[in-house]
């Protein structure tokens, strides 16, 4: 009765190999095409990820639609994710490759439109991040950076007297919680 539900049509080893190949390919694609994380995706980004997941599923399962195959694939993905996270903490080279460098999109109050275009940040998104950080315009900042995780950090000159007695506290920094969709201040 449950043979079709739990019986494998593809060997477990093949399922693991298929999953590893798709995981690595998707990781490379995500690294090449953006800094956003899932919580920071725009609607088109989210549609892309969902459609990619739907398109990649048959590449992982092959002709197997069993529950057992799904469990093997899910466990493989979680193990891969754990291994990559552990390797990132041990390998600075892998960390640099997986985590992109921050990009300065405004400095000393002047926007860098070329950097904004390169990173796919609209003027509206940048202005929204500024407003959420309590800044009316870029000229009130000493720097605005798109961080490697997709957040936008706003660096403002310190209020007069606020840095007294604190070495290196000559600037204040606010960070928008996300670059996309729901820009908000991080705690």
Protein backbone atom coordinates (compact mmCIF):
# COMPACT_ATOMS: atom_id res chain seq x y z
CA UNK A 1 0.00 0.00 0.00
CA UNK A 2 2.77 2.49 0.89
CA UNK A 3 5.40 1.13 -1.50
CA UNK A 4 4.93 3.96 -4.02
CA UNK A 5 5.04 6.51 -1.25
CA UNK A 6 8.27 5.33 0.40
CA UNK A 7 9.98 3.17 -2.25
CA UNK A 8 12.93 4.82 -4.00
CA UNK A 9 13.11 4.96 -7.80
CA UNK A 10 16.63 6.45 -7.66
CA UNK A 11 19.51 5.35 -5.46
CA UNK A 12 20.11 7.41 -2.29
CA UNK A 13 23.69 8.14 -3.43
CA UNK A 14 22.41 9.59 -6.72
CA UNK A 15 19.91 11.75 -4.81
CA UNK A 16 22.72 13.09 -2.60
CA UNK A 17 24.96 13.82 -5.62
CA UNK A 18 22.13 15.54 -7.50
CA UNK A 19 21.35 17.67 -4.44
CA UNK A 20 25.00 18.64 -3.90
CA UNK A 21 25.37 19.70 -7.54
CA UNK A 22 22.17 21.77 -7.48
CA UNK A 23 23.06 23.32 -4.09
CA UNK A 24 26.51 24.40 -5.29
CA UNK A 25 25.13 25.74 -8.58
CA UNK A 26 22.43 27.72 -6.77
CA UNK A 27 24.94 29.04 -4.20
CA UNK A 28 27.21 30.24 -7.01
CA UNK A 29 24.28 31.88 -8.83
CA UNK A 30 23.11 33.65 -5.67
CA UNK A 31 26.66 34.85 -4.97
CA UNK A 32 27.11 36.19 -8.49
CA UNK A 33 23.75 37.91 -8.79
CA UNK A 34 23.23 39.69 -5.50
CA UNK A 35 23.77 40.55 -1.89
CA UNK A 36 20.20 40.07 -0.79
CA UNK A 37 19.11 37.47 1.68
CA UNK A 38 15.64 35.94 1.76
CA UNK A 39 14.26 38.57 4.15
CA UNK A 40 15.55 41.30 1.85
CA UNK A 41 14.17 40.19 -1.48
CA UNK A 42 12.09 42.41 -3.68
CA UNK A 43 9.00 40.86 -5.22
CA UNK A 44 10.83 40.04 -8.50
CA UNK A 45 13.71 38.51 -6.48
CA UNK A 46 11.27 36.35 -4.51
CA UNK A 47 9.51 35.22 -7.70
CA UNK A 48 12.91 34.30 -9.17
CA UNK A 49 13.89 32.22 -6.12
CA UNK A 50 10.53 30.44 -5.99
CA UNK A 51 10.55 29.65 -9.71
CA UNK A 52 14.19 28.54 -9.55
CA UNK A 53 13.36 26.23 -6.65
CA UNK A 54 10.45 24.79 -8.62
CA UNK A 55 12.64 24.33 -11.71
CA UNK A 56 15.51 22.78 -9.74
CA UNK A 57 13.37 20.27 -7.86
CA UNK A 58 13.19 17.76 -10.74
CA UNK A 59 16.97 18.02 -11.17
CA UNK A 60 17.38 16.82 -7.59
CA UNK A 61 14.70 14.14 -7.49
CA UNK A 62 14.99 12.78 -11.02
CA UNK A 63 12.07 10.42 -11.63
CA UNK A 64 11.64 9.83 -7.86
CA UNK A 65 8.67 11.49 -6.16
CA UNK A 66 8.73 9.41 -2.99
CA UNK A 67 8.65 10.73 0.56
CA UNK A 68 11.91 8.91 1.22
CA UNK A 69 13.64 10.77 -1.62
CA UNK A 70 12.31 14.09 -0.28
CA UNK A 71 13.65 13.29 3.20
CA UNK A 72 17.07 12.35 1.78
CA UNK A 73 17.19 15.60 -0.21
CA UNK A 74 16.11 17.75 2.74
CA UNK A 75 18.64 16.14 5.08
CA UNK A 76 21.35 16.57 2.43
CA UNK A 77 20.53 20.28 2.02
CA UNK A 78 20.60 20.90 5.78
CA UNK A 79 23.89 19.02 6.13
CA UNK A 80 25.37 20.97 3.20
CA UNK A 81 24.22 24.24 4.71
CA UNK A 82 25.76 23.30 8.08
CA UNK A 83 29.04 22.22 6.47
CA UNK A 84 29.28 25.43 4.43
CA UNK A 85 28.58 27.52 7.57
CA UNK A 86 31.30 25.65 9.48
CA UNK A 87 33.79 25.96 6.62
CA UNK A 88 33.11 29.70 6.37
CA UNK A 89 34.19 30.16 9.98
CA UNK A 90 37.41 28.22 9.38
CA UNK A 91 38.39 29.48 5.94
CA UNK A 92 38.84 33.23 5.40
CA UNK A 93 39.16 32.59 1.67
CA UNK A 94 35.79 30.79 1.51
CA UNK A 95 34.23 33.51 3.70
CA UNK A 96 35.47 36.21 1.30
CA UNK A 97 34.14 34.27 -1.69
CA UNK A 98 30.70 33.59 -0.21
CA UNK A 99 30.28 36.95 1.52
CA UNK A 100 30.70 39.86 -0.84
CA UNK A 101 32.44 43.05 0.25
CA UNK A 102 30.43 46.08 1.27
CA UNK A 103 29.87 48.74 -1.35
CA UNK A 104 29.97 52.46 -0.61
CA UNK A 105 26.97 54.05 -2.31
CA UNK A 106 27.44 57.56 -0.87
CA UNK A 107 30.44 59.26 0.67
CA UNK A 108 30.74 62.69 2.27
CA UNK A 109 27.15 63.44 1.32
CA UNK A 110 27.51 62.58 -2.37
CA UNK A 111 25.74 59.60 -3.91
CA UNK A 112 27.72 57.23 -6.10
CA UNK A 113 25.13 56.56 -8.81
CA UNK A 114 27.45 54.13 -10.63
CA UNK A 115 27.79 51.97 -7.49
CA UNK A 116 24.04 52.18 -6.87
CA UNK A 117 23.30 51.02 -10.44
CA UNK A 118 25.87 48.22 -10.17
CA UNK A 119 24.25 46.95 -6.96
CA UNK A 120 20.70 47.41 -8.26
CA UNK A 121 19.74 50.01 -5.65
CA UNK A 122 17.21 52.56 -6.82
CA UNK A 123 17.29 56.15 -5.66
CA UNK A 124 13.97 55.45 -3.93
CA UNK A 125 15.47 52.55 -1.93
CA UNK A 126 18.47 54.63 -0.87
CA UNK A 127 16.28 57.57 0.17
CA UNK A 128 13.98 55.25 2.10
CA UNK A 129 16.95 53.82 4.01
CA UNK A 130 18.08 57.36 4.84
CA UNK A 131 14.62 58.35 6.10
CA UNK A 132 14.37 55.25 8.24
CA UNK A 133 17.71 56.14 9.80
CA UNK A 134 16.40 59.61 10.61
CA UNK A 135 18.35 61.33 7.83
CA UNK A 136 16.59 63.65 5.41
CA UNK A 137 19.21 63.65 2.64
CA UNK A 138 22.57 62.11 1.78
CA UNK A 139 24.37 65.41 2.43
CA UNK A 140 23.77 64.77 6.15
CA UNK A 141 25.93 61.64 6.05
CA UNK A 142 29.62 60.90 5.92
CA UNK A 143 28.95 57.52 4.33
CA UNK A 144 26.25 55.13 3.15
CA UNK A 145 27.23 51.51 2.52
CA UNK A 146 25.47 48.47 1.16
CA UNK A 147 26.69 45.75 3.51
CA UNK A 148 27.50 42.22 2.41
CA UNK A 149 24.21 40.94 3.84
CA UNK A 150 22.12 43.50 1.94
CA UNK A 151 21.55 45.99 4.77
CA UNK A 152 22.26 49.66 4.18
CA UNK A 153 24.41 51.35 6.83
CA UNK A 154 24.21 55.09 7.24
CA UNK A 155 27.15 56.84 8.89
CA UNK A 156 26.41 60.32 10.21
CA UNK A 157 28.74 62.89 11.70
CA UNK A 158 28.58 62.76 15.50
CA UNK A 159 26.49 65.39 17.23
CA UNK A 160 28.72 68.02 18.81
CA UNK A 161 30.04 66.87 22.15
CA UNK A 162 28.62 63.34 21.91
CA UNK A 163 31.99 61.77 21.14
CA UNK A 164 33.81 63.45 24.00
CA UNK A 165 35.72 60.99 26.10
CA UNK A 166 35.12 58.05 23.75
CA UNK A 167 38.10 57.22 21.56
CA UNK A 168 37.15 56.55 17.95
CA UNK A 169 33.57 57.70 18.49
CA UNK A 170 33.71 60.53 15.99
CA UNK A 171 30.82 59.16 13.89
CA UNK A 172 27.45 57.62 14.58
CA UNK A 173 26.14 54.73 12.53
CA UNK A 174 22.59 53.61 11.89
CA UNK A 175 21.82 50.50 9.92
CA UNK A 176 18.65 49.82 8.04
CA UNK A 177 17.44 46.33 8.93
CA UNK A 178 17.01 45.31 5.33
CA UNK A 179 17.88 46.76 1.99
CA UNK A 180 14.78 45.56 0.28
CA UNK A 181 11.05 45.40 0.81
CA UNK A 182 10.86 46.31 4.53
CA UNK A 183 13.67 48.76 5.21
CA UNK A 184 13.80 49.46 8.93
CA UNK A 185 16.32 50.36 11.61
CA UNK A 186 18.20 47.49 13.19
CA UNK A 187 18.45 47.46 16.99
